Amino acid sequence: MKRIQDDDNPNMGFQIAPMIDVVFVIMLFFMVMAGAVKVEHELKTALPGSTPPAAADIKDVPDEITIVVAEDGTVTMNDEEFDTPTDKKLPRLTGDLIKLKKDADNRGGKVLVTLQTEEQARYERVIDVLNALGKAQLSNVTFTVGDEEA
């Protein structure tokens, strides 16, 4: 292959214009990226042997309970069976939920409820449990369907 040469200008020399363009592009890149730098904040840590934080700084851990509704209508709260599968009012469960709510209110804490139902559980039974939660004035409820797999 033969190379074609420009006879009018055989040696163009060092071209400064493309170099200036490259420098401006690099400078623009660094200017844009300078705004994206995250500022590091001081972490408040307590080293071993130092004094523990004040009691007011420690946040209260919410009470977490799990209510399971089985296919046969059995209702369990934290692996303890409550009432009979045919009892629509669920008096024992309601009483325990009310006590739990009063205790949490006295401490200034929260009660978090996870309502776990099996896939073939009757909708009517789930409504019975929701009514018991309503009587106890518990509103932080999360629903799950089926068995939780570890």
Protein backbone atom coordinates (compact mmCIF):
# COMPACT_ATOMS: atom_id res chain seq x y z
CA MET A 1 0.00 0.00 0.00
CA LYS A 2 1.33 3.32 -0.99
CA ARG A 3 1.03 6.28 1.32
CA ILE A 4 -0.32 9.51 -0.09
CA GLN A 5 1.63 12.57 1.02
CA ASP A 6 0.64 16.18 0.89
CA ASP A 7 3.31 17.83 -1.24
CA ASP A 8 2.32 21.35 -0.18
CA ASN A 9 2.80 20.75 3.54
CA PRO A 10 5.05 17.71 4.12
CA ASN A 11 5.80 18.41 7.84
CA MET A 12 2.92 19.93 9.75
CA GLY A 13 4.85 20.18 13.01
CA PHE A 14 3.42 20.21 16.51
CA GLN A 15 -0.28 21.13 16.55
CA ILE A 16 -1.29 23.03 19.73
CA ALA A 17 -5.06 23.37 19.03
CA PRO A 18 -5.90 19.65 19.60
CA MET A 19 -3.81 19.67 22.78
CA ILE A 20 -5.76 22.64 24.15
CA ASP A 21 -9.03 20.85 23.33
CA VAL A 22 -7.90 17.77 25.27
CA VAL A 23 -6.81 19.87 28.26
CA PHE A 24 -10.19 21.65 28.34
CA VAL A 25 -12.06 18.33 28.20
CA ILE A 26 -9.99 16.92 31.08
CA MET A 27 -10.45 20.13 33.09
CA LEU A 28 -14.23 19.99 32.49
CA PHE A 29 -14.30 16.36 33.67
CA PHE A 30 -12.51 17.18 36.94
CA MET A 31 -14.72 20.22 37.56
CA VAL A 32 -17.87 18.11 37.18
CA MET A 33 -16.53 15.28 39.34
CA ALA A 34 -15.47 17.68 42.12
CA GLY A 35 -19.16 18.29 42.90
CA ALA A 36 -19.79 14.57 43.34
CA VAL A 37 -17.24 14.09 46.13
CA LYS A 38 -18.91 12.93 49.33
CA VAL A 39 -17.94 14.64 52.55
CA GLU A 40 -16.98 12.30 55.35
CA HIS A 41 -18.65 12.91 58.69
CA GLU A 42 -17.30 12.18 62.11
CA LEU A 43 -18.52 8.89 63.54
CA LYS A 44 -19.43 8.93 67.21
CA THR A 45 -18.00 5.75 68.64
CA ALA A 46 -17.53 4.56 72.17
CA LEU A 47 -14.24 2.79 72.72
CA PRO A 48 -13.99 -0.09 75.18
CA GLY A 49 -13.57 1.20 78.70
CA SER A 50 -15.19 4.54 78.02
CA THR A 51 -18.36 5.62 79.78
CA PRO A 52 -21.61 4.33 78.28
CA PRO A 53 -23.97 6.86 76.67
CA ALA A 54 -26.70 8.40 78.76
CA ALA A 55 -29.93 6.46 79.15
CA ALA A 56 -31.79 9.12 77.16
CA ASP A 57 -29.61 8.41 74.12
CA ILE A 58 -30.48 4.70 74.04
CA LYS A 59 -33.56 4.15 71.93
CA ASP A 60 -36.19 1.70 73.08
CA VAL A 61 -36.33 -1.46 71.00
CA PRO A 62 -39.90 -2.15 69.82
CA ASP A 63 -41.72 -5.31 70.84
CA GLU A 64 -42.00 -7.66 67.87
CA ILE A 65 -44.63 -10.38 67.87
CA THR A 66 -45.62 -12.91 65.23
CA ILE A 67 -49.20 -14.14 64.94
CA VAL A 68 -49.69 -17.24 62.78
CA VAL A 69 -53.07 -18.31 61.37
CA ALA A 70 -53.03 -21.98 60.36
CA GLU A 71 -55.21 -23.71 57.76
CA ASP A 72 -57.32 -25.35 60.47
CA GLY A 73 -58.04 -21.97 62.14
CA THR A 74 -55.51 -22.30 64.95
CA VAL A 75 -54.07 -18.95 66.02
CA THR A 76 -50.64 -18.81 67.65
CA MET A 77 -48.73 -15.80 68.94
CA ASN A 78 -44.98 -16.31 69.31
CA ASP A 79 -45.45 -20.10 69.14
CA GLU A 80 -48.13 -20.13 71.88
CA GLU A 81 -51.60 -21.32 70.87
CA PHE A 82 -54.53 -19.04 71.73
CA ASP A 83 -58.25 -19.86 71.98
CA THR A 84 -60.02 -22.56 69.98
CA PRO A 85 -60.14 -22.68 66.18
CA THR A 86 -63.91 -22.07 66.27
CA ASP A 87 -63.91 -19.09 68.68
CA LYS A 88 -64.55 -15.96 66.60
CA LYS A 89 -63.97 -13.42 69.40
CA LEU A 90 -60.48 -14.68 70.38
CA PRO A 91 -60.82 -13.34 73.97
CA ARG A 92 -57.50 -14.66 75.27
CA LEU A 93 -55.53 -13.31 72.31
CA THR A 94 -57.31 -9.95 72.54
CA GLY A 95 -56.59 -9.71 76.28
CA ASP A 96 -52.90 -10.46 75.80
CA LEU A 97 -52.63 -7.96 72.94
CA ILE A 98 -54.26 -5.24 75.07
CA LYS A 99 -51.82 -5.95 77.93
CA LEU A 100 -48.89 -5.87 75.51
CA LYS A 101 -50.05 -2.53 74.06
CA LYS A 102 -50.53 -0.96 77.54
CA ASP A 103 -47.09 -2.14 78.61
CA ALA A 104 -45.49 -0.67 75.47
CA ASP A 105 -47.37 2.62 75.95
CA ASN A 106 -46.18 2.86 79.56
CA ARG A 107 -42.57 2.43 78.40
CA GLY A 108 -43.05 4.76 75.45
CA GLY A 109 -42.30 1.95 73.00
CA LYS A 110 -43.95 0.41 69.97
CA VAL A 111 -45.43 -2.97 69.18
CA LEU A 112 -44.68 -4.40 65.73
CA VAL A 113 -46.93 -7.25 64.61
CA THR A 114 -46.26 -9.71 61.81
CA LEU A 115 -49.43 -11.55 60.77
CA GLN A 116 -48.38 -14.73 58.99
CA THR A 117 -51.07 -16.86 57.38
CA GLU A 118 -50.80 -20.19 55.67
CA GLU A 119 -51.85 -20.22 52.03
CA GLN A 120 -55.09 -22.13 52.62
CA ALA A 121 -56.10 -20.31 55.83
CA ARG A 122 -59.65 -19.00 55.88
CA TYR A 123 -60.00 -15.29 55.22
CA GLU A 124 -62.67 -15.14 57.91
CA ARG A 125 -60.14 -16.27 60.52
CA VAL A 126 -57.66 -13.60 59.42
CA ILE A 127 -60.41 -10.99 59.88
CA ASP A 128 -61.00 -12.33 63.42
CA VAL A 129 -57.31 -11.74 64.22
CA LEU A 130 -57.44 -8.26 62.65
CA ASN A 131 -60.47 -7.46 64.83
CA ALA A 132 -58.48 -8.52 67.92
CA LEU A 133 -55.62 -6.26 66.81
CA GLY A 134 -58.10 -3.43 66.31
CA LYS A 135 -59.53 -3.85 69.80
CA ALA A 136 -56.00 -3.63 71.19
CA GLN A 137 -55.36 -0.53 69.02
CA LEU A 138 -52.29 -2.04 67.36
CA SER A 139 -51.64 -0.50 63.97
CA ASN A 140 -48.08 -1.54 62.96
CA VAL A 141 -49.06 -4.78 61.19
CA THR A 142 -47.13 -6.56 58.45
CA PHE A 143 -48.74 -9.38 56.44
CA THR A 144 -46.99 -12.47 55.12
CA VAL A 145 -48.47 -15.50 53.39
CA GLY A 146 -46.99 -18.97 53.62
CA ASP A 147 -44.18 -20.31 55.77
CA GLU A 148 -41.09 -18.16 56.21
CA GLU A 149 -38.15 -20.07 54.83
CA ALA A 150 -34.78 -19.53 56.45
